[in-house]
């Protein structure tokens, strides 16, 4: 028997996270480094488990600019509001990405630090953020380089002790995503919040007969390939998940 994701009883991945394998772009950027597109998430913590290769993640927060080395078996994570850029030092950086709140990043929980002339123009921002399906690689590179230009200016100001530009970017990022918040709330309630509620129910059940143990099931899905913000993604296809059983 196969049960589609439309079945509300189909359990999510543990904790309501999403999983993808990321082979970080090895395209050289204008600053001479190879890697991905700077961006931040507004509601989701992101984690990297490094499978192979060597590189770094450049980050910018209110605490300042930092670079964290990424080597095989390292695990690094960062909270919402962290602008991050992956650097592929040896051309082989390969990462398992765990993303909090499955469904929210896919629904737009990411903002790029484009230069102000693009960032503050709604139409220009939408054009720059969108990948052209006819030329996904070319448009992904153009998006990366444009975001990198804005990120460099924010980092330069932060190094000089001026956090004003970063604060202004955070304010603009909130403005850009605010129209989506009702949708995000619904996705969160149906996914991660429901997963937490299920654990609450399971703990209660263990005080009685543990009936949930007799409703155990096995889920299966595959991965979808696409150009991501930081590299070529093999993203877990949660919408394509099925329950396998007799």
C-alpha atoms as a PDB file:
ATOM      1  CA  UNK A   1       0.000   0.000   0.000  1.00  0.00           C
ATOM      2  CA  UNK A   2       1.280   3.474  -0.882  1.00  0.00           C
ATOM      3  CA  UNK A   3      -0.100   6.508   0.919  1.00  0.00           C
ATOM      4  CA  UNK A   4       0.587   9.912  -0.625  1.00  0.00           C
ATOM      5  CA  UNK A   5       1.822  13.013   1.220  1.00  0.00           C
ATOM      6  CA  UNK A   6      -1.752  14.307   1.017  1.00  0.00           C
ATOM      7  CA  UNK A   7      -2.584  11.906   3.863  1.00  0.00           C
ATOM      8  CA  UNK A   8      -2.510  14.126   6.992  1.00  0.00           C
ATOM      9  CA  UNK A   9      -1.398  11.122   9.068  1.00  0.00           C
ATOM     10  CA  UNK A  10       1.882  10.800   7.164  1.00  0.00           C
ATOM     11  CA  UNK A  11       4.637  11.652   9.676  1.00  0.00           C
ATOM     12  CA  UNK A  12       7.296  14.208   8.792  1.00  0.00           C
ATOM     13  CA  UNK A  13      11.040  13.750   9.027  1.00  0.00           C
ATOM     14  CA  UNK A  14      12.239  13.866  12.658  1.00  0.00           C
ATOM     15  CA  UNK A  15      11.591  17.246  14.214  1.00  0.00           C
ATOM     16  CA  UNK A  16       9.918  18.538  11.068  1.00  0.00           C
ATOM     17  CA  UNK A  17      13.265  19.290   9.400  1.00  0.00           C
ATOM     18  CA  UNK A  18      14.195  19.080   5.730  1.00  0.00           C
ATOM     19  CA  UNK A  19      17.299  17.328   4.390  1.00  0.00           C
ATOM     20  CA  UNK A  20      19.318  17.936   1.253  1.00  0.00           C
ATOM     21  CA  UNK A  21      22.750  17.100  -0.101  1.00  0.00           C
ATOM     22  CA  UNK A  22      24.617  20.146  -1.320  1.00  0.00           C
ATOM     23  CA  UNK A  23      27.581  20.099  -3.676  1.00  0.00           C
ATOM     24  CA  UNK A  24      28.781  23.667  -3.268  1.00  0.00           C
ATOM     25  CA  UNK A  25      29.278  25.644  -6.465  1.00  0.00           C
ATOM     26  CA  UNK A  26      32.853  25.680  -7.717  1.00  0.00           C
ATOM     27  CA  UNK A  27      32.258  28.751  -9.896  1.00  0.00           C
ATOM     28  CA  UNK A  28      34.784  31.484  -9.285  1.00  0.00           C
ATOM     29  CA  UNK A  29      33.277  34.732  -7.991  1.00  0.00           C
ATOM     30  CA  UNK A  30      34.520  38.277  -8.669  1.00  0.00           C
ATOM     31  CA  UNK A  31      36.554  38.203  -5.439  1.00  0.00           C
ATOM     32  CA  UNK A  32      38.480  35.157  -6.665  1.00  0.00           C
ATOM     33  CA  UNK A  33      36.806  32.676  -4.313  1.00  0.00           C
ATOM     34  CA  UNK A  34      34.569  29.815  -5.374  1.00  0.00           C
ATOM     35  CA  UNK A  35      31.247  29.180  -3.726  1.00  0.00           C
ATOM     36  CA  UNK A  36      27.636  30.051  -3.123  1.00  0.00           C
ATOM     37  CA  UNK A  37      25.234  32.943  -2.777  1.00  0.00           C
ATOM     38  CA  UNK A  38      25.085  35.045   0.408  1.00  0.00           C
ATOM     39  CA  UNK A  39      21.628  35.071   1.996  1.00  0.00           C
ATOM     40  CA  UNK A  40      19.842  34.811   5.334  1.00  0.00           C
ATOM     41  CA  UNK A  41      16.837  32.993   6.717  1.00  0.00           C
ATOM     42  CA  UNK A  42      14.308  34.803   8.880  1.00  0.00           C
ATOM     43  CA  UNK A  43      12.621  31.947  10.766  1.00  0.00           C
ATOM     44  CA  UNK A  44      14.818  28.869  10.325  1.00  0.00           C
ATOM     45  CA  UNK A  45      18.062  27.608  11.827  1.00  0.00           C
ATOM     46  CA  UNK A  46      20.302  25.837   9.296  1.00  0.00           C
ATOM     47  CA  UNK A  47      22.932  23.154   9.936  1.00  0.00           C
ATOM     48  CA  UNK A  48      25.799  21.804   7.825  1.00  0.00           C
ATOM     49  CA  UNK A  49      27.243  18.313   8.279  1.00  0.00           C
ATOM     50  CA  UNK A  50      30.315  18.176   6.041  1.00  0.00           C
ATOM     51  CA  UNK A  51      30.568  14.949   4.026  1.00  0.00           C
ATOM     52  CA  UNK A  52      33.776  15.761   2.186  1.00  0.00           C
ATOM     53  CA  UNK A  53      35.993  18.460   0.774  1.00  0.00           C
ATOM     54  CA  UNK A  54      37.247  21.602   2.435  1.00  0.00           C
ATOM     55  CA  UNK A  55      36.010  25.169   2.640  1.00  0.00           C
ATOM     56  CA  UNK A  56      34.439  27.707   4.947  1.00  0.00           C
ATOM     57  CA  UNK A  57      31.235  29.519   5.730  1.00  0.00           C
ATOM     58  CA  UNK A  58      31.480  33.286   5.934  1.00  0.00           C
ATOM     59  CA  UNK A  59      28.900  34.773   8.290  1.00  0.00           C
ATOM     60  CA  UNK A  60      27.716  38.232   9.240  1.00  0.00           C
ATOM     61  CA  UNK A  61      25.598  38.953  12.315  1.00  0.00           C
ATOM     62  CA  UNK A  62      25.195  41.860  14.719  1.00  0.00           C
ATOM     63  CA  UNK A  63      28.246  40.391  16.492  1.00  0.00           C
ATOM     64  CA  UNK A  64      30.377  40.909  13.395  1.00  0.00           C
ATOM     65  CA  UNK A  65      31.925  39.107  10.444  1.00  0.00           C
ATOM     66  CA  UNK A  66      33.413  35.634  10.886  1.00  0.00           C
ATOM     67  CA  UNK A  67      34.731  32.688   8.880  1.00  0.00           C
ATOM     68  CA  UNK A  68      34.240  29.124  10.128  1.00  0.00           C
ATOM     69  CA  UNK A  69      36.320  26.356   8.575  1.00  0.00           C
ATOM     70  CA  UNK A  70      34.447  23.420   7.079  1.00  0.00           C
ATOM     71  CA  UNK A  71      36.220  20.060   6.964  1.00  0.00           C
ATOM     72  CA  UNK A  72      34.969  16.496   6.730  1.00  0.00           C
ATOM     73  CA  UNK A  73      32.815  15.486   9.731  1.00  0.00           C
ATOM     74  CA  UNK A  74      32.438  19.073  10.989  1.00  0.00           C
ATOM     75  CA  UNK A  75      28.936  20.139  12.005  1.00  0.00           C
ATOM     76  CA  UNK A  76      28.116  23.861  11.969  1.00  0.00           C
ATOM     77  CA  UNK A  77      24.774  25.601  12.455  1.00  0.00           C
ATOM     78  CA  UNK A  78      23.500  29.155  12.648  1.00  0.00           C
ATOM     79  CA  UNK A  79      20.292  30.867  13.695  1.00  0.00           C
ATOM     80  CA  UNK A  80      17.887  33.143  11.778  1.00  0.00           C
ATOM     81  CA  UNK A  81      19.351  36.509  10.846  1.00  0.00           C
ATOM     82  CA  UNK A  82      22.809  35.131   9.978  1.00  0.00           C
ATOM     83  CA  UNK A  83      23.927  36.155   6.500  1.00  0.00           C
ATOM     84  CA  UNK A  84      26.006  33.241   5.262  1.00  0.00           C
ATOM     85  CA  UNK A  85      28.131  32.470   2.225  1.00  0.00           C
ATOM     86  CA  UNK A  86      29.739  29.108   1.481  1.00  0.00           C
ATOM     87  CA  UNK A  87      33.297  29.053   0.106  1.00  0.00           C
ATOM     88  CA  UNK A  88      34.445  25.937  -1.768  1.00  0.00           C
ATOM     89  CA  UNK A  89      38.209  25.966  -1.174  1.00  0.00           C
ATOM     90  CA  UNK A  90      39.166  22.728  -2.908  1.00  0.00           C
ATOM     91  CA  UNK A  91      36.300  22.430  -5.397  1.00  0.00           C
ATOM     92  CA  UNK A  92      34.949  19.323  -3.625  1.00  0.00           C
ATOM     93  CA  UNK A  93      32.912  20.719  -0.722  1.00  0.00           C
ATOM     94  CA  UNK A  94      30.008  18.335  -0.149  1.00  0.00           C
ATOM     95  CA  UNK A  95      27.490  18.984   2.642  1.00  0.00           C
ATOM     96  CA  UNK A  96      24.402  17.416   4.162  1.00  0.00           C
ATOM     97  CA  UNK A  97      22.090  20.323   4.982  1.00  0.00           C
ATOM     98  CA  UNK A  98      19.514  20.097   7.769  1.00  0.00           C
ATOM     99  CA  UNK A  99      16.976  22.904   7.690  1.00  0.00           C
ATOM    100  CA  UNK A 100      14.581  23.687  10.517  1.00  0.00           C
ATOM    101  CA  UNK A 101      10.885  24.075   9.700  1.00  0.00           C
ATOM    102  CA  UNK A 102      10.584  22.027   6.530  1.00  0.00           C
ATOM    103  CA  UNK A 103       8.463  23.908   4.031  1.00  0.00           C
ATOM    104  CA  UNK A 104       9.349  27.450   5.089  1.00  0.00           C
ATOM    105  CA  UNK A 105      12.620  27.818   3.126  1.00  0.00           C
ATOM    106  CA  UNK A 106      10.854  26.412   0.077  1.00  0.00           C
ATOM    107  CA  UNK A 107       8.094  29.000   0.625  1.00  0.00           C
ATOM    108  CA  UNK A 108      10.543  31.891   0.570  1.00  0.00           C
ATOM    109  CA  UNK A 109      12.314  32.042   3.948  1.00  0.00           C
ATOM    110  CA  UNK A 110      15.487  33.485   2.421  1.00  0.00           C
ATOM    111  CA  UNK A 111      16.499  37.018   1.489  1.00  0.00           C
ATOM    112  CA  UNK A 112      19.525  38.040  -0.565  1.00  0.00           C
ATOM    113  CA  UNK A 113      21.660  41.067   0.414  1.00  0.00           C
ATOM    114  CA  UNK A 114      21.536  42.663  -3.023  1.00  0.00           C
ATOM    115  CA  UNK A 115      22.910  46.206  -3.409  1.00  0.00           C
ATOM    116  CA  UNK A 116      20.446  48.923  -2.296  1.00  0.00           C
ATOM    117  CA  UNK A 117      19.276  49.869  -5.807  1.00  0.00           C
ATOM    118  CA  UNK A 118      17.935  46.319  -6.204  1.00  0.00           C
ATOM    119  CA  UNK A 119      17.091  45.523  -2.581  1.00  0.00           C
ATOM    120  CA  UNK A 120      14.704  48.457  -2.170  1.00  0.00           C
ATOM    121  CA  UNK A 121      12.937  48.014  -5.510  1.00  0.00           C
ATOM    122  CA  UNK A 122      10.349  45.237  -5.190  1.00  0.00           C
ATOM    123  CA  UNK A 123      10.245  44.448  -8.907  1.00  0.00           C
ATOM    124  CA  UNK A 124      14.022  44.574  -9.325  1.00  0.00           C
ATOM    125  CA  UNK A 125      14.507  42.350  -6.284  1.00  0.00           C
ATOM    126  CA  UNK A 126      12.037  39.766  -7.595  1.00  0.00           C
ATOM    127  CA  UNK A 127      13.781  39.683 -10.984  1.00  0.00           C
ATOM    128  CA  UNK A 128      17.228  39.309  -9.434  1.00  0.00           C
ATOM    129  CA  UNK A 129      16.141  36.584  -6.996  1.00  0.00           C
ATOM    130  CA  UNK A 130      14.349  34.447  -9.586  1.00  0.00           C
ATOM    131  CA  UNK A 131      16.189  31.770 -11.562  1.00  0.00           C
ATOM    132  CA  UNK A 132      15.505  31.680 -15.287  1.00  0.00           C
ATOM    133  CA  UNK A 133      14.312  28.121 -16.065  1.00  0.00           C
ATOM    134  CA  UNK A 134      15.751  28.470 -19.570  1.00  0.00           C
ATOM    135  CA  UNK A 135      19.220  29.355 -18.239  1.00  0.00           C
ATOM    136  CA  UNK A 136      19.345  28.227 -14.591  1.00  0.00           C
ATOM    137  CA  UNK A 137      23.128  28.032 -14.318  1.00  0.00           C
ATOM    138  CA  UNK A 138      23.742  31.443 -15.868  1.00  0.00           C
ATOM    139  CA  UNK A 139      21.060  33.118 -13.748  1.00  0.00           C
ATOM    140  CA  UNK A 140      22.276  31.362 -10.576  1.00  0.00           C
ATOM    141  CA  UNK A 141      25.761  32.772 -11.187  1.00  0.00           C
ATOM    142  CA  UNK A 142      24.381  36.262 -11.829  1.00  0.00           C
ATOM    143  CA  UNK A 143      22.284  36.101  -8.651  1.00  0.00           C
ATOM    144  CA  UNK A 144      25.288  34.901  -6.661  1.00  0.00           C
ATOM    145  CA  UNK A 145      27.538  37.714  -7.907  1.00  0.00           C
ATOM    146  CA  UNK A 146      24.921  40.412  -7.287  1.00  0.00           C
ATOM    147  CA  UNK A 147      24.302  39.196  -3.727  1.00  0.00           C
ATOM    148  CA  UNK A 148      28.043  38.987  -3.150  1.00  0.00           C
ATOM    149  CA  UNK A 149      28.447  42.657  -4.080  1.00  0.00           C
ATOM    150  CA  UNK A 150      25.904  43.677  -1.444  1.00  0.00           C
ATOM    151  CA  UNK A 151      27.336  41.258   1.132  1.00  0.00           C
ATOM    152  CA  UNK A 152      30.836  42.702   0.649  1.00  0.00           C
ATOM    153  CA  UNK A 153      29.553  46.202   1.430  1.00  0.00           C
ATOM    154  CA  UNK A 154      27.745  45.020   4.570  1.00  0.00           C
ATOM    155  CA  UNK A 155      30.833  43.128   5.756  1.00  0.00           C
ATOM    156  CA  UNK A 156      33.075  46.114   5.051  1.00  0.00           C
ATOM    157  CA  UNK A 157      30.855  48.372   7.144  1.00  0.00           C
ATOM    158  CA  UNK A 158      30.710  45.832   9.983  1.00  0.00           C
ATOM    159  CA  UNK A 159      34.504  45.528  10.067  1.00  0.00           C
ATOM    160  CA  UNK A 160      34.672  49.314  10.399  1.00  0.00           C
ATOM    161  CA  UNK A 161      32.327  49.155  13.392  1.00  0.00           C
ATOM    162  CA  UNK A 162      29.255  50.399  11.525  1.00  0.00           C
ATOM    163  CA  UNK A 163      26.318  48.028  12.033  1.00  0.00           C
ATOM    164  CA  UNK A 164      23.781  50.476  10.581  1.00  0.00           C
ATOM    165  CA  UNK A 165      23.752  48.946   7.079  1.00  0.00           C
ATOM    166  CA  UNK A 166      23.215  45.449   8.509  1.00  0.00           C
ATOM    167  CA  UNK A 167      20.346  46.668  10.688  1.00  0.00           C
ATOM    168  CA  UNK A 168      18.788  48.375   7.658  1.00  0.00           C
ATOM    169  CA  UNK A 169      19.108  45.144   5.673  1.00  0.00           C
ATOM    170  CA  UNK A 170      17.377  43.173   8.431  1.00  0.00           C
ATOM    171  CA  UNK A 171      14.524  45.707   8.399  1.00  0.00           C
ATOM    172  CA  UNK A 172      14.164  45.447   4.633  1.00  0.00           C
ATOM    173  CA  UNK A 173      14.299  41.632   4.776  1.00  0.00           C
ATOM    174  CA  UNK A 174      11.335  41.626   7.150  1.00  0.00           C
ATOM    175  CA  UNK A 175       9.417  43.931   4.813  1.00  0.00           C
ATOM    176  CA  UNK A 176      10.055  41.611   1.869  1.00  0.00           C
ATOM    177  CA  UNK A 177       8.724  38.479   3.584  1.00  0.00           C
ATOM    178  CA  UNK A 178       5.864  39.996   5.585  1.00  0.00           C
ATOM    179  CA  UNK A 179       3.224  39.270   2.864  1.00  0.00           C
ATOM    180  CA  UNK A 180       4.010  35.539   3.224  1.00  0.00           C
ATOM    181  CA  UNK A 181       3.660  35.235   6.991  1.00  0.00           C
ATOM    182  CA  UNK A 182       0.105  33.862   7.039  1.00  0.00           C
ATOM    183  CA  UNK A 183       1.145  31.127   4.613  1.00  0.00           C
ATOM    184  CA  UNK A 184       4.277  30.377   6.656  1.00  0.00           C
ATOM    185  CA  UNK A 185       2.238  30.146   9.836  1.00  0.00           C
ATOM    186  CA  UNK A 186      -0.040  27.575   8.233  1.00  0.00           C
ATOM    187  CA  UNK A 187       2.879  25.521   6.930  1.00  0.00           C
ATOM    188  CA  UNK A 188       4.539  25.564  10.342  1.00  0.00           C
ATOM    189  CA  UNK A 189       1.345  24.535  12.124  1.00  0.00           C
ATOM    190  CA  UNK A 190       0.757  21.635   9.705  1.00  0.00           C
ATOM    191  CA  UNK A 191       4.398  20.501   9.804  1.00  0.00           C
ATOM    192  CA  UNK A 192       6.915  21.170  12.608  1.00  0.00           C
ATOM    193  CA  UNK A 193       4.330  22.286  15.182  1.00  0.00           C
ATOM    194  CA  UNK A 194       2.238  19.190  14.469  1.00  0.00           C
ATOM    195  CA  UNK A 195       5.375  17.024  14.871  1.00  0.00           C
ATOM    196  CA  UNK A 196       5.996  18.514  18.323  1.00  0.00           C
ATOM    197  CA  UNK A 197       2.345  17.964  19.258  1.00  0.00           C
ATOM    198  CA  UNK A 198       2.653  14.327  18.186  1.00  0.00           C
ATOM    199  CA  UNK A 199       5.576  13.838  20.584  1.00  0.00           C
ATOM    200  CA  UNK A 200       3.466  15.358  23.349  1.00  0.00           C
ATOM    201  CA  UNK A 201       0.721  12.838  22.573  1.00  0.00           C
ATOM    202  CA  UNK A 202       3.223   9.970  22.476  1.00  0.00           C
ATOM    203  CA  UNK A 203       4.583  10.853  25.920  1.00  0.00           C
ATOM    204  CA  UNK A 204       1.033  10.888  27.267  1.00  0.00           C
ATOM    205  CA  UNK A 205       0.343   7.527  25.622  1.00  0.00           C
ATOM    206  CA  UNK A 206       3.357   5.981  27.340  1.00  0.00           C
ATOM    207  CA  UNK A 207       1.629   6.622  30.674  1.00  0.00           C
ATOM    208  CA  UNK A 208      -1.237   4.368  29.547  1.00  0.00           C
ATOM    209  CA  UNK A 209      -1.155   1.637  26.895  1.00  0.00           C
ATOM    210  CA  UNK A 210       1.332   3.049  24.334  1.00  0.00           C
ATOM    211  CA  UNK A 211      -1.208   2.547  21.565  1.00  0.00           C
ATOM    212  CA  UNK A 212       0.823   4.654  19.129  1.00  0.00           C
ATOM    213  CA  UNK A 213       3.453   1.899  19.022  1.00  0.00           C
ATOM    214  CA  UNK A 214       0.961  -0.355  17.250  1.00  0.00           C
ATOM    215  CA  UNK A 215       0.465   2.278  14.540  1.00  0.00           C
ATOM    216  CA  UNK A 216       4.155   2.395  13.541  1.00  0.00           C
ATOM    217  CA  UNK A 217       4.925   2.885   9.847  1.00  0.00           C
ATOM    218  CA  UNK A 218       7.822   3.289   7.425  1.00  0.00           C
ATOM    219  CA  UNK A 219       8.148   6.211   5.023  1.00  0.00           C
ATOM    220  CA  UNK A 220      10.141   6.455   1.820  1.00  0.00           C
ATOM    221  CA  UNK A 221      11.040   9.188  -0.629  1.00  0.00           C
ATOM    222  CA  UNK A 222      13.749  10.222  -3.064  1.00  0.00           C
ATOM    223  CA  UNK A 223      15.503  13.434  -3.961  1.00  0.00           C
ATOM    224  CA  UNK A 224      15.012  16.201  -6.508  1.00  0.00           C
ATOM    225  CA  UNK A 225      17.961  17.792  -8.299  1.00  0.00           C
ATOM    226  CA  UNK A 226      18.055  21.552  -8.751  1.00  0.00           C
ATOM    227  CA  UNK A 227      20.230  24.634  -8.678  1.00  0.00           C
ATOM    228  CA  UNK A 228      20.166  26.010  -5.141  1.00  0.00           C
ATOM    229  CA  UNK A 229      21.438  29.196  -3.551  1.00  0.00           C
ATOM    230  CA  UNK A 230      24.777  27.703  -2.557  1.00  0.00           C
ATOM    231  CA  UNK A 231      25.246  24.777  -4.907  1.00  0.00           C
ATOM    232  CA  UNK A 232      23.683  21.876  -6.754  1.00  0.00           C
ATOM    233  CA  UNK A 233      21.048  20.369  -4.496  1.00  0.00           C
ATOM    234  CA  UNK A 234      19.739  16.863  -4.099  1.00  0.00           C
ATOM    235  CA  UNK A 235      16.772  17.917  -1.981  1.00  0.00           C
ATOM    236  CA  UNK A 236      14.650  15.392  -0.109  1.00  0.00           C
ATOM    237  CA  UNK A 237      11.297  15.248  -1.899  1.00  0.00           C
ATOM    238  CA  UNK A 238       8.959  15.494   1.095  1.00  0.00           C
ATOM    239  CA  UNK A 239       5.921  16.010  -1.122  1.00  0.00           C
ATOM    240  CA  UNK A 240       6.738  12.746  -2.862  1.00  0.00           C
ATOM    241  CA  UNK A 241       6.991  10.700   0.326  1.00  0.00           C
ATOM    242  CA  UNK A 242       4.953   7.530   0.686  1.00  0.00           C
ATOM    243  CA  UNK A 243       4.141   5.189   3.526  1.00  0.00           C
ATOM    244  CA  UNK A 244       5.106   1.622   2.724  1.00  0.00           C
ATOM    245  CA  UNK A 245       3.234  -1.231   4.353  1.00  0.00           C
ATOM    246  CA  UNK A 246       1.033  -4.244   3.963  1.00  0.00           C
END
